[in-house]
């Protein structure tokens, strides 16, 4: 069935959670061909950090995933300070929506002016309980979107953008079918795949081993 914009808010939020891990460990369950990880996709890669950093972290995340919110709220700030802002690593954020509401949130972040992409993503994760677990997510999502300059009209237009929805789904489909992503968050650190809810110490150890 072709994913259609009318499905965005139809179902209750569902979560596909990766297991919590005490440390970051490579996922060796499958031997996917990861040679195309850095190939251009249908959507521009959103990058935080120095493009020439020696370590590349690719994160596949769903805006409605609690483990993803935990990473961005409690782990990412330290990783950003110690590695992204020091030129040691860069982070590429890619969409892997798990449910209609996550698709909607991802689309809104993409529709925002590029300078607001990461700030809006951070707010969506910080306020996840406010919009992802309520009966009607539209009002709180609209309020978040207004912080990035949306109007009611641009908010609705974004959510009705079938081309954008298709591109977000293409990113998700390639991650699942080619790179073996089956839960969130999933990280690729210099091409090595890791899954799970990670700590600052575990993520730092994985990055430091490559420096």
Protein backbone atom coordinates (compact mmCIF):
# COMPACT_ATOMS: atom_id res chain seq x y z
CA UNK A 1 0.00 0.00 0.00
CA UNK A 2 1.32 3.41 -0.95
CA UNK A 3 1.87 5.59 2.10
CA UNK A 4 -0.44 8.57 1.82
CA UNK A 5 -0.52 11.84 3.74
CA UNK A 6 -4.04 11.06 4.95
CA UNK A 7 -2.53 8.31 7.15
CA UNK A 8 -0.32 10.69 9.14
CA UNK A 9 -2.52 11.03 12.22
CA UNK A 10 -4.89 8.11 11.79
CA UNK A 11 -3.41 5.55 14.16
CA UNK A 12 -2.28 5.61 17.75
CA UNK A 13 1.44 5.87 18.35
CA UNK A 14 3.32 2.58 18.20
CA UNK A 15 6.88 2.01 19.29
CA UNK A 16 9.44 -0.50 18.00
CA UNK A 17 12.12 -0.34 20.63
CA UNK A 18 15.68 -1.51 20.34
CA UNK A 19 16.93 -3.28 23.47
CA UNK A 20 18.68 -1.14 26.08
CA UNK A 21 22.40 -1.82 26.11
CA UNK A 22 24.91 -1.25 28.88
CA UNK A 23 27.57 -0.45 26.29
CA UNK A 24 27.78 0.24 22.58
CA UNK A 25 28.52 -3.02 20.83
CA UNK A 26 28.72 -3.74 17.09
CA UNK A 27 25.64 -5.45 15.67
CA UNK A 28 26.99 -8.46 13.82
CA UNK A 29 23.71 -10.33 13.40
CA UNK A 30 23.65 -9.62 9.66
CA UNK A 31 26.36 -8.83 7.13
CA UNK A 32 24.73 -6.06 5.09
CA UNK A 33 26.50 -4.21 2.31
CA UNK A 34 27.15 -0.86 3.95
CA UNK A 35 29.24 0.55 1.12
CA UNK A 36 26.40 2.90 0.14
CA UNK A 37 25.91 4.47 3.56
CA UNK A 38 27.26 7.84 2.44
CA UNK A 39 25.59 7.86 -0.98
CA UNK A 40 23.23 10.79 -1.61
CA UNK A 41 19.61 9.97 -0.87
CA UNK A 42 16.27 11.55 -1.73
CA UNK A 43 16.69 14.00 1.16
CA UNK A 44 19.72 16.12 1.96
CA UNK A 45 21.73 14.73 4.86
CA UNK A 46 21.43 16.95 7.91
CA UNK A 47 24.89 17.20 9.48
CA UNK A 48 25.98 18.50 12.87
CA UNK A 49 29.74 19.04 13.19
CA UNK A 50 32.74 19.47 10.92
CA UNK A 51 32.24 17.87 7.48
CA UNK A 52 35.90 16.78 7.58
CA UNK A 53 35.78 15.19 11.03
CA UNK A 54 37.59 11.81 11.25
CA UNK A 55 34.59 10.05 12.82
CA UNK A 56 31.17 9.95 11.17
CA UNK A 57 28.12 8.98 13.24
CA UNK A 58 24.98 8.22 11.25
CA UNK A 59 21.88 8.01 13.40
CA UNK A 60 18.57 6.53 12.26
CA UNK A 61 15.87 7.68 14.65
CA UNK A 62 12.12 8.00 15.05
CA UNK A 63 10.71 11.17 16.59
CA UNK A 64 8.31 9.06 18.68
CA UNK A 65 10.92 6.60 19.97
CA UNK A 66 11.58 6.96 23.74
CA UNK A 67 15.13 5.60 23.42
CA UNK A 68 15.83 8.19 20.72
CA UNK A 69 14.49 10.94 22.99
CA UNK A 70 16.68 9.66 25.82
CA UNK A 71 19.73 9.81 23.56
CA UNK A 72 19.01 13.32 22.35
CA UNK A 73 18.03 14.66 25.76
CA UNK A 74 20.67 13.01 27.94
CA UNK A 75 23.55 11.77 25.77
CA UNK A 76 23.71 13.97 22.69
CA UNK A 77 24.52 17.23 24.56
CA UNK A 78 27.77 15.75 25.89
CA UNK A 79 28.63 14.14 22.54
CA UNK A 80 27.97 17.46 20.83
CA UNK A 81 30.19 19.36 23.27
CA UNK A 82 33.07 16.88 23.39
CA UNK A 83 33.16 15.60 19.82
CA UNK A 84 30.96 17.50 17.35
CA UNK A 85 32.01 20.98 18.43
CA UNK A 86 35.69 20.01 18.70
CA UNK A 87 35.96 18.67 15.15
CA UNK A 88 36.50 15.07 16.24
CA UNK A 89 33.20 13.75 14.91
CA UNK A 90 30.16 14.70 12.91
CA UNK A 91 26.61 13.39 13.24
CA UNK A 92 24.29 12.75 10.32
CA UNK A 93 20.65 12.48 11.37
CA UNK A 94 18.37 10.35 9.19
CA UNK A 95 14.67 9.67 9.56
CA UNK A 96 13.37 6.20 10.43
CA UNK A 97 9.76 6.93 11.48
CA UNK A 98 8.01 4.11 13.31
CA UNK A 99 4.46 5.41 13.10
CA UNK A 100 2.29 8.09 11.45
CA UNK A 101 3.05 10.71 14.09
CA UNK A 102 6.77 10.24 13.61
CA UNK A 103 6.33 10.72 9.88
CA UNK A 104 4.46 13.97 10.55
CA UNK A 105 7.12 15.27 12.94
CA UNK A 106 9.93 14.36 10.53
CA UNK A 107 8.16 16.17 7.71
CA UNK A 108 7.69 19.30 9.81
CA UNK A 109 11.40 19.37 10.69
CA UNK A 110 12.22 19.03 7.00
CA UNK A 111 9.81 21.81 6.03
CA UNK A 112 11.40 24.24 8.47
CA UNK A 113 14.16 26.57 7.35
CA UNK A 114 17.38 24.55 7.42
CA UNK A 115 18.80 26.62 10.28
CA UNK A 116 15.90 25.41 12.44
CA UNK A 117 16.20 21.71 11.58
CA UNK A 118 18.30 20.59 14.54
CA UNK A 119 16.74 23.05 17.04
CA UNK A 120 13.29 21.82 16.03
CA UNK A 121 14.38 18.19 16.26
CA UNK A 122 15.69 18.84 19.77
CA UNK A 123 12.40 20.42 20.85
CA UNK A 124 10.41 17.53 19.38
CA UNK A 125 12.44 15.07 21.43
CA UNK A 126 12.31 17.18 24.61
CA UNK A 127 8.54 17.58 24.32
CA UNK A 128 7.86 14.07 23.02
CA UNK A 129 5.37 13.34 25.82
CA UNK A 130 3.45 16.50 24.93
CA UNK A 131 2.64 15.56 21.34
CA UNK A 132 3.41 11.87 20.75
CA UNK A 133 1.21 10.42 23.51
CA UNK A 134 -1.92 12.56 23.34
CA UNK A 135 -5.21 11.96 21.58
CA UNK A 136 -4.73 14.83 19.13
CA UNK A 137 -1.10 15.68 18.30
CA UNK A 138 -1.92 18.52 15.92
CA UNK A 139 -2.23 21.39 18.44
CA UNK A 140 1.06 20.70 20.27
CA UNK A 141 2.88 20.02 16.99
CA UNK A 142 1.58 23.30 15.62
CA UNK A 143 2.85 25.16 18.68
CA UNK A 144 6.29 23.59 18.26
CA UNK A 145 6.26 24.38 14.54
CA UNK A 146 5.41 28.02 15.22
CA UNK A 147 8.71 28.32 17.12
CA UNK A 148 10.39 27.64 13.77
CA UNK A 149 8.31 30.20 11.92
CA UNK A 150 5.39 28.10 10.71
CA UNK A 151 1.91 29.49 10.25
CA UNK A 152 -1.27 27.44 10.34
CA UNK A 153 -1.21 27.47 6.55
CA UNK A 154 2.42 26.36 6.14
CA UNK A 155 1.90 23.71 8.84
CA UNK A 156 -1.01 22.18 6.92
CA UNK A 157 0.79 22.51 3.58
CA UNK A 158 3.79 20.62 4.94
CA UNK A 159 1.68 17.74 6.21
CA UNK A 160 -0.07 17.54 2.84
CA UNK A 161 3.20 17.33 0.89
CA UNK A 162 3.00 13.88 -0.66
CA UNK A 163 6.40 14.24 -2.36
CA UNK A 164 8.11 14.91 0.95
CA UNK A 165 6.28 12.03 2.61
CA UNK A 166 7.45 9.72 -0.18
CA UNK A 167 11.07 10.84 0.26
CA UNK A 168 10.99 10.31 4.03
CA UNK A 169 9.61 6.83 3.39
CA UNK A 170 12.33 6.14 0.82
CA UNK A 171 15.00 6.96 3.42
CA UNK A 172 13.33 4.60 5.87
CA UNK A 173 12.88 1.82 3.31
CA UNK A 174 16.51 1.93 2.18
CA UNK A 175 17.71 1.84 5.78
CA UNK A 176 15.57 -1.22 6.48
CA UNK A 177 16.12 -3.15 3.27
CA UNK A 178 19.75 -2.29 2.49
CA UNK A 179 21.37 -1.46 5.84
CA UNK A 180 19.37 -3.80 8.08
CA UNK A 181 17.92 -1.12 10.35
CA UNK A 182 15.02 -2.68 12.25
CA UNK A 183 14.76 -0.56 15.39
CA UNK A 184 15.67 2.83 16.74
CA UNK A 185 18.02 4.31 17.51
CA UNK A 186 20.50 2.63 15.20
CA UNK A 187 23.94 4.17 14.79
CA UNK A 188 26.67 3.64 12.23
CA UNK A 189 30.04 4.87 13.54
CA UNK A 190 32.55 4.93 10.69
CA UNK A 191 30.50 2.21 9.03
CA UNK A 192 30.15 -0.06 12.09
CA UNK A 193 26.54 -0.67 13.11
CA UNK A 194 25.42 -0.29 16.74
CA UNK A 195 21.95 -0.54 18.23
CA UNK A 196 20.35 0.40 21.49
CA UNK A 197 19.92 2.92 24.24
CA UNK A 198 23.46 4.09 24.93
CA UNK A 199 25.20 6.09 27.64
CA UNK A 200 27.59 9.01 27.24
CA UNK A 201 30.45 6.77 28.38
CA UNK A 202 29.63 4.00 25.92
CA UNK A 203 29.26 6.33 22.95
CA UNK A 204 32.46 8.17 23.92
CA UNK A 205 34.36 4.89 24.12
CA UNK A 206 33.19 3.90 20.65
CA UNK A 207 34.27 7.26 19.18
CA UNK A 208 37.58 7.39 21.06
CA UNK A 209 38.55 3.98 19.67
CA UNK A 210 38.55 5.54 16.19
CA UNK A 211 40.58 8.65 16.98
